[in-house]
Amino acid sequence: AFENLQGSVLELDLTKLIAYHISAGGYDRFLGLSPGAPPIDIKSLCDDCGDVRVELLSNGQVLVNGEARALQSVETCNGVLITVDAILNPEVPDSLEAALGECSPEDPTCCDLPPP
């Protein structure tokens, strides 16, 4: 899953990326999803990453952010543990996207290491 990460998500603090995979709420809403119903947005612990969108398709498959498939859901003593098949990519604010820019051999100033 990490090999498939692209773009500005690679520049995010790892703490934010991990926090985006955790929700302090939404447990009851997730369990209340019905097949084919409109998707729900669940707030993550990452304050500036946007919400996580969860949808229960009519075939019973749970889709997260329109990309990741939920493989397993296990109720635990303090919530639900959901195993997904991909790393969730938070929405990166436009201001961060612009600040990060693209790294290139012509302008290596944004790179940690100069390009070869």
C-alpha atoms as a PDB file:
ATOM      1  CA  ALA A   1       0.000   0.000   0.000  1.00  0.00           C
ATOM      2  CA  PHE A   2       2.858   2.395   0.777  1.00  0.00           C
ATOM      3  CA  GLU A   3       4.304   1.832  -2.705  1.00  0.00           C
ATOM      4  CA  ASN A   4       1.057   3.175  -4.206  1.00  0.00           C
ATOM      5  CA  LEU A   5       1.202   6.483  -2.316  1.00  0.00           C
ATOM      6  CA  GLN A   6       1.747   9.452  -4.587  1.00  0.00           C
ATOM      7  CA  GLY A   7       1.830  13.203  -4.560  1.00  0.00           C
ATOM      8  CA  SER A   8       1.568  15.506  -1.577  1.00  0.00           C
ATOM      9  CA  VAL A   9       0.369  12.766   0.784  1.00  0.00           C
ATOM     10  CA  LEU A  10       4.024  11.690   0.918  1.00  0.00           C
ATOM     11  CA  GLU A  11       4.861  15.070   2.442  1.00  0.00           C
ATOM     12  CA  LEU A  12       2.370  14.740   5.311  1.00  0.00           C
ATOM     13  CA  ASP A  13       3.567  14.208   8.825  1.00  0.00           C
ATOM     14  CA  LEU A  14       3.300  10.496   9.628  1.00  0.00           C
ATOM     15  CA  THR A  15       1.372  11.378  12.785  1.00  0.00           C
ATOM     16  CA  LYS A  16      -1.324  13.050  10.667  1.00  0.00           C
ATOM     17  CA  LEU A  17      -1.472  10.138   8.255  1.00  0.00           C
ATOM     18  CA  ILE A  18      -1.960   7.710  11.130  1.00  0.00           C
ATOM     19  CA  ALA A  19      -4.492  10.000  12.854  1.00  0.00           C
ATOM     20  CA  TYR A  20      -6.498  10.085   9.612  1.00  0.00           C
ATOM     21  CA  HIS A  21      -7.005   6.331  10.012  1.00  0.00           C
ATOM     22  CA  ILE A  22      -8.566   6.739  13.484  1.00  0.00           C
ATOM     23  CA  SER A  23     -11.968   8.121  14.434  1.00  0.00           C
ATOM     24  CA  ALA A  24     -13.136   9.037  17.914  1.00  0.00           C
ATOM     25  CA  GLY A  25     -16.740   8.841  16.762  1.00  0.00           C
ATOM     26  CA  GLY A  26     -18.826   7.373  14.008  1.00  0.00           C
ATOM     27  CA  TYR A  27     -19.065   3.907  15.576  1.00  0.00           C
ATOM     28  CA  ASP A  28     -22.871   3.897  15.751  1.00  0.00           C
ATOM     29  CA  ARG A  29     -23.221   5.550  12.360  1.00  0.00           C
ATOM     30  CA  PHE A  30     -20.931   2.951  10.771  1.00  0.00           C
ATOM     31  CA  LEU A  31     -22.854   0.066  12.317  1.00  0.00           C
ATOM     32  CA  GLY A  32     -26.119   1.678  11.183  1.00  0.00           C
ATOM     33  CA  LEU A  33     -25.173   1.810   7.504  1.00  0.00           C
ATOM     34  CA  SER A  34     -27.592   0.021   5.220  1.00  0.00           C
ATOM     35  CA  PRO A  35     -26.751  -1.324   1.752  1.00  0.00           C
ATOM     36  CA  GLY A  36     -27.214   1.252  -0.985  1.00  0.00           C
ATOM     37  CA  ALA A  37     -27.799   4.131   1.460  1.00  0.00           C
ATOM     38  CA  PRO A  38     -25.992   7.432   0.877  1.00  0.00           C
ATOM     39  CA  PRO A  39     -22.392   7.482   2.133  1.00  0.00           C
ATOM     40  CA  ILE A  40     -21.587   8.961   5.529  1.00  0.00           C
ATOM     41  CA  ASP A  41     -18.707  11.241   6.462  1.00  0.00           C
ATOM     42  CA  ILE A  42     -16.852  10.387   9.646  1.00  0.00           C
ATOM     43  CA  LYS A  43     -14.479  12.798  11.372  1.00  0.00           C
ATOM     44  CA  SER A  44     -10.952  11.483  11.833  1.00  0.00           C
ATOM     45  CA  LEU A  45      -8.482  12.418  14.563  1.00  0.00           C
ATOM     46  CA  CYS A  46      -6.537  14.469  11.997  1.00  0.00           C
ATOM     47  CA  ASP A  47      -8.108  17.915  12.368  1.00  0.00           C
ATOM     48  CA  ASP A  48      -7.005  19.312   9.013  1.00  0.00           C
ATOM     49  CA  CYS A  49      -7.261  16.202   6.821  1.00  0.00           C
ATOM     50  CA  GLY A  50     -10.979  16.227   6.031  1.00  0.00           C
ATOM     51  CA  ASP A  51     -13.528  13.538   6.779  1.00  0.00           C
ATOM     52  CA  VAL A  52     -13.427   9.870   5.893  1.00  0.00           C
ATOM     53  CA  ARG A  53     -16.285   8.880   3.564  1.00  0.00           C
ATOM     54  CA  VAL A  54     -17.787   5.436   4.181  1.00  0.00           C
ATOM     55  CA  GLU A  55     -20.322   3.745   1.921  1.00  0.00           C
ATOM     56  CA  LEU A  56     -22.029   0.364   2.137  1.00  0.00           C
ATOM     57  CA  LEU A  57     -22.672  -0.751  -1.435  1.00  0.00           C
ATOM     58  CA  SER A  58     -25.764  -2.722  -2.389  1.00  0.00           C
ATOM     59  CA  ASN A  59     -23.611  -5.874  -2.691  1.00  0.00           C
ATOM     60  CA  GLY A  60     -22.547  -5.538   0.967  1.00  0.00           C
ATOM     61  CA  GLN A  61     -19.020  -4.274   0.229  1.00  0.00           C
ATOM     62  CA  VAL A  62     -17.852  -1.345   2.375  1.00  0.00           C
ATOM     63  CA  LEU A  63     -15.981   1.323   0.435  1.00  0.00           C
ATOM     64  CA  VAL A  64     -13.843   3.924   2.216  1.00  0.00           C
ATOM     65  CA  ASN A  65     -13.112   7.221   0.440  1.00  0.00           C
ATOM     66  CA  GLY A  66     -14.323   5.659  -2.801  1.00  0.00           C
ATOM     67  CA  GLU A  67     -11.120   3.619  -3.125  1.00  0.00           C
ATOM     68  CA  ALA A  68     -10.261   1.370  -0.197  1.00  0.00           C
ATOM     69  CA  ARG A  69     -12.319  -1.731   0.447  1.00  0.00           C
ATOM     70  CA  ALA A  70     -13.043  -2.795   3.994  1.00  0.00           C
ATOM     71  CA  LEU A  71     -11.894  -6.383   4.296  1.00  0.00           C
ATOM     72  CA  GLN A  72     -13.022  -7.066   7.843  1.00  0.00           C
ATOM     73  CA  SER A  73     -14.856  -5.300  10.671  1.00  0.00           C
ATOM     74  CA  VAL A  74     -14.398  -6.473  14.237  1.00  0.00           C
ATOM     75  CA  GLU A  75     -16.298  -5.002  17.169  1.00  0.00           C
ATOM     76  CA  THR A  76     -13.956  -4.372  20.088  1.00  0.00           C
ATOM     77  CA  CYS A  77     -14.526  -3.189  23.653  1.00  0.00           C
ATOM     78  CA  ASN A  78     -13.974   0.439  22.600  1.00  0.00           C
ATOM     79  CA  GLY A  79     -15.214   0.601  19.008  1.00  0.00           C
ATOM     80  CA  VAL A  80     -14.775  -1.098  15.667  1.00  0.00           C
ATOM     81  CA  LEU A  81     -11.509  -2.178  14.070  1.00  0.00           C
ATOM     82  CA  ILE A  82     -11.811  -2.064  10.295  1.00  0.00           C
ATOM     83  CA  THR A  83      -9.141  -3.615   8.095  1.00  0.00           C
ATOM     84  CA  VAL A  84      -8.875  -1.872   4.719  1.00  0.00           C
ATOM     85  CA  ASP A  85      -6.913  -2.874   1.624  1.00  0.00           C
ATOM     86  CA  ALA A  86      -5.203   0.490   1.086  1.00  0.00           C
ATOM     87  CA  ILE A  87      -3.766   3.447   2.944  1.00  0.00           C
ATOM     88  CA  LEU A  88      -6.361   6.201   3.156  1.00  0.00           C
ATOM     89  CA  ASN A  89      -5.261   9.414   1.478  1.00  0.00           C
ATOM     90  CA  PRO A  90      -6.461  12.485   3.352  1.00  0.00           C
ATOM     91  CA  GLU A  91      -7.494  15.570   1.469  1.00  0.00           C
ATOM     92  CA  VAL A  92      -4.522  17.895   1.461  1.00  0.00           C
ATOM     93  CA  PRO A  93      -5.552  21.568   1.680  1.00  0.00           C
ATOM     94  CA  ASP A  94      -4.820  23.557  -1.479  1.00  0.00           C
ATOM     95  CA  SER A  95      -2.525  25.859   0.502  1.00  0.00           C
ATOM     96  CA  LEU A  96      -0.337  22.887   1.517  1.00  0.00           C
ATOM     97  CA  GLU A  97      -0.428  21.486  -2.016  1.00  0.00           C
ATOM     98  CA  ALA A  98       0.809  24.820  -3.398  1.00  0.00           C
ATOM     99  CA  ALA A  99       3.461  25.125  -0.705  1.00  0.00           C
ATOM    100  CA  LEU A 100       4.805  21.649  -1.427  1.00  0.00           C
ATOM    101  CA  GLY A 101       5.002  22.081  -5.180  1.00  0.00           C
ATOM    102  CA  GLU A 102       6.803  19.580  -7.361  1.00  0.00           C
ATOM    103  CA  CYS A 103      10.397  18.567  -7.022  1.00  0.00           C
ATOM    104  CA  SER A 104      12.393  18.482 -10.221  1.00  0.00           C
ATOM    105  CA  PRO A 105      15.997  18.371 -11.446  1.00  0.00           C
ATOM    106  CA  GLU A 106      15.526  21.953 -12.696  1.00  0.00           C
ATOM    107  CA  ASP A 107      14.518  23.205  -9.211  1.00  0.00           C
ATOM    108  CA  PRO A 108      15.730  20.843  -6.494  1.00  0.00           C
ATOM    109  CA  THR A 109      15.237  23.377  -3.654  1.00  0.00           C
ATOM    110  CA  CYS A 110      12.191  21.512  -2.317  1.00  0.00           C
ATOM    111  CA  CYS A 111      13.945  18.162  -2.104  1.00  0.00           C
ATOM    112  CA  ASP A 112      15.544  16.652   0.981  1.00  0.00           C
ATOM    113  CA  LEU A 113      18.264  15.300  -1.280  1.00  0.00           C
ATOM    114  CA  PRO A 114      19.272  16.670  -4.654  1.00  0.00           C
ATOM    115  CA  PRO A 115      18.021  14.615  -7.605  1.00  0.00           C
ATOM    116  CA  PRO A 116      20.657  12.391  -9.257  1.00  0.00           C
END
